[in-house]
């Protein structure tokens, strides 16, 4: 399960990068794309950090950050 989620978060980051590349070259596209890129790619990085947590409390703290970043990416 853990490795599956690592792969899925990596694919998610790659998909985000590809999506941001096709956004309109406008002020709105730039601003939204920058935030989307930051949050979308941090999901996987923070998940990997959570997997290396030193304690259950540390894991919970780090996985909460993953959830918050993922929530910023969700539209609708």
PDB file of N, CA and C in Angstrom:
ATOM      1  N   UNK A   1       0.832  -1.207   0.000  1.00  0.00           N
ATOM      2  CA  UNK A   1       0.000   0.000   0.000  1.00  0.00           C
ATOM      3  C   UNK A   1       0.870   1.262   0.000  1.00  0.00           C
ATOM      4  N   UNK A   2       1.884   1.289   0.899  1.00  0.00           N
ATOM      5  CA  UNK A   2       2.729   2.463   1.011  1.00  0.00           C
ATOM      6  C   UNK A   2       3.412   2.775  -0.322  1.00  0.00           C
ATOM      7  N   UNK A   3       3.966   1.749  -0.971  1.00  0.00           N
ATOM      8  CA  UNK A   3       4.644   1.970  -2.236  1.00  0.00           C
ATOM      9  C   UNK A   3       3.669   2.395  -3.327  1.00  0.00           C
ATOM     10  N   UNK A   4       2.449   1.868  -3.276  1.00  0.00           N
ATOM     11  CA  UNK A   4       1.434   2.263  -4.251  1.00  0.00           C
ATOM     12  C   UNK A   4       1.136   3.755  -4.132  1.00  0.00           C
ATOM     13  N   UNK A   5       1.006   4.240  -2.925  1.00  0.00           N
ATOM     14  CA  UNK A   5       0.710   5.659  -2.725  1.00  0.00           C
ATOM     15  C   UNK A   5       1.904   6.529  -3.107  1.00  0.00           C
ATOM     16  N   UNK A   6       3.113   6.043  -2.889  1.00  0.00           N
ATOM     17  CA  UNK A   6       4.290   6.799  -3.334  1.00  0.00           C
ATOM     18  C   UNK A   6       4.267   6.955  -4.847  1.00  0.00           C
ATOM     19  N   UNK A   7       3.951   5.896  -5.548  1.00  0.00           N
ATOM     20  CA  UNK A   7       3.860   5.953  -7.007  1.00  0.00           C
ATOM     21  C   UNK A   7       2.741   6.858  -7.481  1.00  0.00           C
ATOM     22  N   UNK A   8       1.607   6.780  -6.795  1.00  0.00           N
ATOM     23  CA  UNK A   8       0.460   7.607  -7.182  1.00  0.00           C
ATOM     24  C   UNK A   8       0.727   9.089  -6.945  1.00  0.00           C
ATOM     25  N   UNK A   9       1.407   9.425  -5.841  1.00  0.00           N
ATOM     26  CA  UNK A   9       1.695  10.833  -5.585  1.00  0.00           C
ATOM     27  C   UNK A   9       2.744  11.360  -6.569  1.00  0.00           C
ATOM     28  N   UNK A  10       3.654  10.494  -6.996  1.00  0.00           N
ATOM     29  CA  UNK A  10       4.635  10.904  -8.013  1.00  0.00           C
ATOM     30  C   UNK A  10       3.928  11.164  -9.342  1.00  0.00           C
ATOM     31  N   UNK A  11       3.028  10.262  -9.729  1.00  0.00           N
ATOM     32  CA  UNK A  11       2.266  10.447 -10.968  1.00  0.00           C
ATOM     33  C   UNK A  11       1.414  11.714 -10.879  1.00  0.00           C
ATOM     34  N   UNK A  12       0.838  11.961  -9.714  1.00  0.00           N
ATOM     35  CA  UNK A  12       0.029  13.152  -9.495  1.00  0.00           C
ATOM     36  C   UNK A  12       0.864  14.411  -9.737  1.00  0.00           C
ATOM     37  N   UNK A  13       2.071  14.446  -9.193  1.00  0.00           N
ATOM     38  CA  UNK A  13       2.952  15.601  -9.380  1.00  0.00           C
ATOM     39  C   UNK A  13       3.287  15.798 -10.860  1.00  0.00           C
ATOM     40  N   UNK A  14       3.572  14.716 -11.550  1.00  0.00           N
ATOM     41  CA  UNK A  14       3.883  14.798 -12.980  1.00  0.00           C
ATOM     42  C   UNK A  14       2.676  15.307 -13.763  1.00  0.00           C
ATOM     43  N   UNK A  15       1.493  14.811 -13.415  1.00  0.00           N
ATOM     44  CA  UNK A  15       0.270  15.279 -14.074  1.00  0.00           C
ATOM     45  C   UNK A  15       0.032  16.772 -13.822  1.00  0.00           C
ATOM     46  N   UNK A  16       0.313  17.226 -12.603  1.00  0.00           N
ATOM     47  CA  UNK A  16       0.162  18.645 -12.266  1.00  0.00           C
ATOM     48  C   UNK A  16       1.111  19.484 -13.124  1.00  0.00           C
ATOM     49  N   UNK A  17       2.349  19.049 -13.223  1.00  0.00           N
ATOM     50  CA  UNK A  17       3.337  19.775 -14.025  1.00  0.00           C
ATOM     51  C   UNK A  17       2.870  19.878 -15.475  1.00  0.00           C
ATOM     52  N   UNK A  18       2.390  18.774 -16.019  1.00  0.00           N
ATOM     53  CA  UNK A  18       1.909  18.777 -17.415  1.00  0.00           C
ATOM     54  C   UNK A  18       0.704  19.697 -17.583  1.00  0.00           C
ATOM     55  N   UNK A  19      -0.179  19.694 -16.601  1.00  0.00           N
ATOM     56  CA  UNK A  19      -1.368  20.546 -16.672  1.00  0.00           C
ATOM     57  C   UNK A  19      -0.980  22.025 -16.628  1.00  0.00           C
ATOM     58  N   UNK A  20      -0.083  22.377 -15.723  1.00  0.00           N
ATOM     59  CA  UNK A  20       0.330  23.774 -15.588  1.00  0.00           C
ATOM     60  C   UNK A  20       0.963  24.275 -16.886  1.00  0.00           C
ATOM     61  N   UNK A  21       1.664  23.415 -17.583  1.00  0.00           N
ATOM     62  CA  UNK A  21       2.299  23.807 -18.848  1.00  0.00           C
ATOM     63  C   UNK A  21       1.282  24.232 -19.913  1.00  0.00           C
ATOM     64  N   UNK A  22       0.048  23.710 -19.827  1.00  0.00           N
ATOM     65  CA  UNK A  22      -0.939  24.039 -20.854  1.00  0.00           C
ATOM     66  C   UNK A  22      -1.902  25.144 -20.434  1.00  0.00           C
ATOM     67  N   UNK A  23      -1.714  25.689 -19.246  1.00  0.00           N
ATOM     68  CA  UNK A  23      -2.566  26.800 -18.819  1.00  0.00           C
ATOM     69  C   UNK A  23      -2.324  28.008 -19.713  1.00  0.00           C
ATOM     70  N   UNK A  24      -3.324  28.870 -19.838  1.00  0.00           N
ATOM     71  CA  UNK A  24      -3.161  30.080 -20.652  1.00  0.00           C
ATOM     72  C   UNK A  24      -2.000  30.934 -20.136  1.00  0.00           C
ATOM     73  N   UNK A  25      -1.307  31.562 -21.046  1.00  0.00           N
ATOM     74  CA  UNK A  25      -0.190  32.443 -20.695  1.00  0.00           C
ATOM     75  C   UNK A  25      -0.748  33.825 -20.364  1.00  0.00           C
ATOM     76  N   UNK A  26      -1.442  33.894 -19.252  1.00  0.00           N
ATOM     77  CA  UNK A  26      -2.040  35.144 -18.790  1.00  0.00           C
ATOM     78  C   UNK A  26      -1.674  35.334 -17.327  1.00  0.00           C
ATOM     79  N   UNK A  27      -2.010  36.496 -16.792  1.00  0.00           N
ATOM     80  CA  UNK A  27      -1.746  36.734 -15.371  1.00  0.00           C
ATOM     81  C   UNK A  27      -2.453  35.698 -14.501  1.00  0.00           C
ATOM     82  N   UNK A  28      -3.704  35.414 -14.832  1.00  0.00           N
ATOM     83  CA  UNK A  28      -4.472  34.440 -14.059  1.00  0.00           C
ATOM     84  C   UNK A  28      -3.850  33.056 -14.161  1.00  0.00           C
ATOM     85  N   UNK A  29      -3.509  32.668 -15.387  1.00  0.00           N
ATOM     86  CA  UNK A  29      -2.896  31.353 -15.595  1.00  0.00           C
ATOM     87  C   UNK A  29      -1.593  31.215 -14.844  1.00  0.00           C
ATOM     88  N   UNK A  30      -0.803  32.282 -14.836  1.00  0.00           N
ATOM     89  CA  UNK A  30       0.475  32.262 -14.131  1.00  0.00           C
ATOM     90  C   UNK A  30       0.274  32.143 -12.623  1.00  0.00           C
ATOM     91  N   UNK A  31      -0.614  32.952 -12.075  1.00  0.00           N
ATOM     92  CA  UNK A  31      -0.851  32.964 -10.630  1.00  0.00           C
ATOM     93  C   UNK A  31      -1.427  31.627 -10.167  1.00  0.00           C
ATOM     94  N   UNK A  32      -2.470  31.168 -10.845  1.00  0.00           N
ATOM     95  CA  UNK A  32      -3.079  29.893 -10.458  1.00  0.00           C
ATOM     96  C   UNK A  32      -2.126  28.726 -10.688  1.00  0.00           C
ATOM     97  N   UNK A  33      -1.406  28.766 -11.783  1.00  0.00           N
ATOM     98  CA  UNK A  33      -0.466  27.697 -12.098  1.00  0.00           C
ATOM     99  C   UNK A  33       0.650  27.594 -11.083  1.00  0.00           C
ATOM    100  N   UNK A  34       1.146  28.732 -10.646  1.00  0.00           N
ATOM    101  CA  UNK A  34       2.225  28.742  -9.661  1.00  0.00           C
ATOM    102  C   UNK A  34       1.767  28.099  -8.350  1.00  0.00           C
ATOM    103  N   UNK A  35       0.575  28.456  -7.886  1.00  0.00           N
ATOM    104  CA  UNK A  35       0.045  27.882  -6.647  1.00  0.00           C
ATOM    105  C   UNK A  35      -0.250  26.401  -6.822  1.00  0.00           C
ATOM    106  N   UNK A  36      -0.840  26.040  -7.942  1.00  0.00           N
ATOM    107  CA  UNK A  36      -1.148  24.642  -8.226  1.00  0.00           C
ATOM    108  C   UNK A  36       0.123  23.810  -8.276  1.00  0.00           C
ATOM    109  N   UNK A  37       1.136  24.322  -8.909  1.00  0.00           N
ATOM    110  CA  UNK A  37       2.415  23.630  -9.008  1.00  0.00           C
ATOM    111  C   UNK A  37       3.044  23.439  -7.627  1.00  0.00           C
ATOM    112  N   UNK A  38       3.017  24.480  -6.832  1.00  0.00           N
ATOM    113  CA  UNK A  38       3.599  24.399  -5.487  1.00  0.00           C
ATOM    114  C   UNK A  38       2.868  23.367  -4.617  1.00  0.00           C
ATOM    115  N   UNK A  39       1.557  23.457  -4.576  1.00  0.00           N
ATOM    116  CA  UNK A  39       0.780  22.546  -3.731  1.00  0.00           C
ATOM    117  C   UNK A  39       0.762  21.126  -4.284  1.00  0.00           C
ATOM    118  N   UNK A  40       0.573  21.010  -5.582  1.00  0.00           N
ATOM    119  CA  UNK A  40       0.459  19.684  -6.196  1.00  0.00           C
ATOM    120  C   UNK A  40       1.711  18.852  -6.108  1.00  0.00           C
ATOM    121  N   UNK A  41       2.853  19.487  -6.251  1.00  0.00           N
ATOM    122  CA  UNK A  41       4.097  18.729  -6.184  1.00  0.00           C
ATOM    123  C   UNK A  41       4.527  18.468  -4.743  1.00  0.00           C
ATOM    124  N   UNK A  42       4.043  19.268  -3.810  1.00  0.00           N
ATOM    125  CA  UNK A  42       4.425  19.051  -2.415  1.00  0.00           C
ATOM    126  C   UNK A  42       3.685  17.879  -1.777  1.00  0.00           C
ATOM    127  N   UNK A  43       2.591  17.450  -2.377  1.00  0.00           N
ATOM    128  CA  UNK A  43       1.845  16.309  -1.828  1.00  0.00           C
ATOM    129  C   UNK A  43       2.761  15.085  -1.723  1.00  0.00           C
ATOM    130  N   UNK A  44       3.414  14.752  -2.811  1.00  0.00           N
ATOM    131  CA  UNK A  44       4.294  13.578  -2.806  1.00  0.00           C
ATOM    132  C   UNK A  44       5.494  13.754  -1.907  1.00  0.00           C
ATOM    133  N   UNK A  45       6.095  14.936  -1.942  1.00  0.00           N
ATOM    134  CA  UNK A  45       7.268  15.188  -1.103  1.00  0.00           C
ATOM    135  C   UNK A  45       6.914  15.085   0.375  1.00  0.00           C
ATOM    136  N   UNK A  46       5.797  15.661   0.757  1.00  0.00           N
ATOM    137  CA  UNK A  46       5.387  15.595   2.158  1.00  0.00           C
ATOM    138  C   UNK A  46       4.939  14.194   2.552  1.00  0.00           C
ATOM    139  N   UNK A  47       4.364  13.445   1.620  1.00  0.00           N
ATOM    140  CA  UNK A  47       3.991  12.062   1.926  1.00  0.00           C
ATOM    141  C   UNK A  47       5.242  11.231   2.198  1.00  0.00           C
ATOM    142  N   UNK A  48       6.269  11.421   1.394  1.00  0.00           N
ATOM    143  CA  UNK A  48       7.520  10.694   1.612  1.00  0.00           C
ATOM    144  C   UNK A  48       8.127  11.058   2.967  1.00  0.00           C
ATOM    145  N   UNK A  49       8.025  12.321   3.347  1.00  0.00           N
ATOM    146  CA  UNK A  49       8.506  12.750   4.661  1.00  0.00           C
ATOM    147  C   UNK A  49       7.695  12.080   5.768  1.00  0.00           C
ATOM    148  N   UNK A  50       6.396  11.958   5.569  1.00  0.00           N
ATOM    149  CA  UNK A  50       5.544  11.306   6.568  1.00  0.00           C
ATOM    150  C   UNK A  50       5.931   9.835   6.734  1.00  0.00           C
ATOM    151  N   UNK A  51       6.305   9.198   5.635  1.00  0.00           N
ATOM    152  CA  UNK A  51       6.709   7.784   5.704  1.00  0.00           C
ATOM    153  C   UNK A  51       7.979   7.593   6.523  1.00  0.00           C
ATOM    154  N   UNK A  52       8.742   8.648   6.689  1.00  0.00           N
ATOM    155  CA  UNK A  52       9.985   8.572   7.460  1.00  0.00           C
ATOM    156  C   UNK A  52       9.820   9.166   8.861  1.00  0.00           C
ATOM    157  N   UNK A  53       8.596   9.323   9.290  1.00  0.00           N
ATOM    158  CA  UNK A  53       8.313   9.918  10.590  1.00  0.00           C
ATOM    159  C   UNK A  53       8.967   9.114  11.709  1.00  0.00           C
ATOM    160  N   UNK A  54       9.370   9.829  12.741  1.00  0.00           N
ATOM    161  CA  UNK A  54      10.053   9.206  13.869  1.00  0.00           C
ATOM    162  C   UNK A  54       9.100   8.662  14.930  1.00  0.00           C
ATOM    163  N   UNK A  55       7.851   9.067  14.860  1.00  0.00           N
ATOM    164  CA  UNK A  55       6.861   8.609  15.835  1.00  0.00           C
ATOM    165  C   UNK A  55       5.477   8.706  15.209  1.00  0.00           C
ATOM    166  N   UNK A  56       4.511   8.149  15.902  1.00  0.00           N
ATOM    167  CA  UNK A  56       3.130   8.223  15.421  1.00  0.00           C
ATOM    168  C   UNK A  56       2.666   9.684  15.383  1.00  0.00           C
ATOM    169  N   UNK A  57       3.023  10.438  16.404  1.00  0.00           N
ATOM    170  CA  UNK A  57       2.628  11.855  16.442  1.00  0.00           C
ATOM    171  C   UNK A  57       3.264  12.626  15.287  1.00  0.00           C
ATOM    172  N   UNK A  58       4.521  12.331  14.990  1.00  0.00           N
ATOM    173  CA  UNK A  58       5.212  12.972  13.877  1.00  0.00           C
ATOM    174  C   UNK A  58       4.547  12.602  12.553  1.00  0.00           C
ATOM    175  N   UNK A  59       4.172  11.323  12.409  1.00  0.00           N
ATOM    176  CA  UNK A  59       3.481  10.876  11.200  1.00  0.00           C
ATOM    177  C   UNK A  59       2.161  11.620  11.026  1.00  0.00           C
ATOM    178  N   UNK A  60       1.389  11.703  12.088  1.00  0.00           N
ATOM    179  CA  UNK A  60       0.084  12.378  12.022  1.00  0.00           C
ATOM    180  C   UNK A  60       0.267  13.839  11.622  1.00  0.00           C
ATOM    181  N   UNK A  61       1.251  14.491  12.205  1.00  0.00           N
ATOM    182  CA  UNK A  61       1.521  15.888  11.871  1.00  0.00           C
ATOM    183  C   UNK A  61       1.871  16.033  10.392  1.00  0.00           C
ATOM    184  N   UNK A  62       2.742  15.171   9.901  1.00  0.00           N
ATOM    185  CA  UNK A  62       3.183  15.283   8.513  1.00  0.00           C
ATOM    186  C   UNK A  62       2.095  14.872   7.529  1.00  0.00           C
ATOM    187  N   UNK A  63       1.314  13.874   7.860  1.00  0.00           N
ATOM    188  CA  UNK A  63       0.251  13.441   6.941  1.00  0.00           C
ATOM    189  C   UNK A  63      -0.859  14.496   6.890  1.00  0.00           C
ATOM    190  N   UNK A  64      -1.012  15.260   7.967  1.00  0.00           N
ATOM    191  CA  UNK A  64      -1.975  16.366   7.971  1.00  0.00           C
ATOM    192  C   UNK A  64      -1.542  17.444   6.979  1.00  0.00           C
ATOM    193  N   UNK A  65      -0.245  17.674   6.880  1.00  0.00           N
ATOM    194  CA  UNK A  65       0.273  18.629   5.902  1.00  0.00           C
ATOM    195  C   UNK A  65      -0.023  18.137   4.487  1.00  0.00           C
ATOM    196  N   UNK A  66       0.135  16.827   4.272  1.00  0.00           N
ATOM    197  CA  UNK A  66      -0.188  16.238   2.966  1.00  0.00           C
ATOM    198  C   UNK A  66      -1.647  16.515   2.622  1.00  0.00           C
ATOM    199  N   UNK A  67      -2.516  16.295   3.586  1.00  0.00           N
ATOM    200  CA  UNK A  67      -3.950  16.514   3.367  1.00  0.00           C
ATOM    201  C   UNK A  67      -4.249  17.987   3.044  1.00  0.00           C
ATOM    202  N   UNK A  68      -3.617  18.886   3.760  1.00  0.00           N
ATOM    203  CA  UNK A  68      -3.836  20.313   3.522  1.00  0.00           C
ATOM    204  C   UNK A  68      -3.376  20.718   2.124  1.00  0.00           C
ATOM    205  N   UNK A  69      -2.220  20.232   1.722  1.00  0.00           N
ATOM    206  CA  UNK A  69      -1.712  20.554   0.375  1.00  0.00           C
ATOM    207  C   UNK A  69      -2.622  19.979  -0.696  1.00  0.00           C
ATOM    208  N   UNK A  70      -3.085  18.757  -0.494  1.00  0.00           N
ATOM    209  CA  UNK A  70      -4.001  18.131  -1.462  1.00  0.00           C
ATOM    210  C   UNK A  70      -5.312  18.913  -1.556  1.00  0.00           C
ATOM    211  N   UNK A  71      -5.786  19.403  -0.420  1.00  0.00           N
ATOM    212  CA  UNK A  71      -7.023  20.202  -0.425  1.00  0.00           C
ATOM    213  C   UNK A  71      -6.866  21.480  -1.232  1.00  0.00           C
ATOM    214  N   UNK A  72      -5.669  22.056  -1.263  1.00  0.00           N
ATOM    215  CA  UNK A  72      -5.440  23.267  -2.041  1.00  0.00           C
ATOM    216  C   UNK A  72      -5.476  23.016  -3.540  1.00  0.00           C
ATOM    217  N   UNK A  73      -5.235  21.776  -3.926  1.00  0.00           N
ATOM    218  CA  UNK A  73      -5.199  21.421  -5.339  1.00  0.00           C
ATOM    219  C   UNK A  73      -6.593  21.122  -5.871  1.00  0.00           C
ATOM    220  N   UNK A  74      -7.465  20.618  -5.027  1.00  0.00           N
ATOM    221  CA  UNK A  74      -8.801  20.192  -5.449  1.00  0.00           C
ATOM    222  C   UNK A  74      -9.620  21.409  -5.865  1.00  0.00           C
ATOM    223  N   UNK A  75     -10.223  21.296  -7.032  1.00  0.00           N
ATOM    224  CA  UNK A  75     -11.069  22.364  -7.549  1.00  0.00           C
ATOM    225  C   UNK A  75     -12.509  21.861  -7.592  1.00  0.00           C
ATOM    226  N   UNK A  76     -13.420  22.646  -7.052  1.00  0.00           N
ATOM    227  CA  UNK A  76     -14.815  22.281  -7.122  1.00  0.00           C
ATOM    228  C   UNK A  76     -15.235  21.651  -5.904  1.00  0.00           C
TER     229      UNK A  76
END
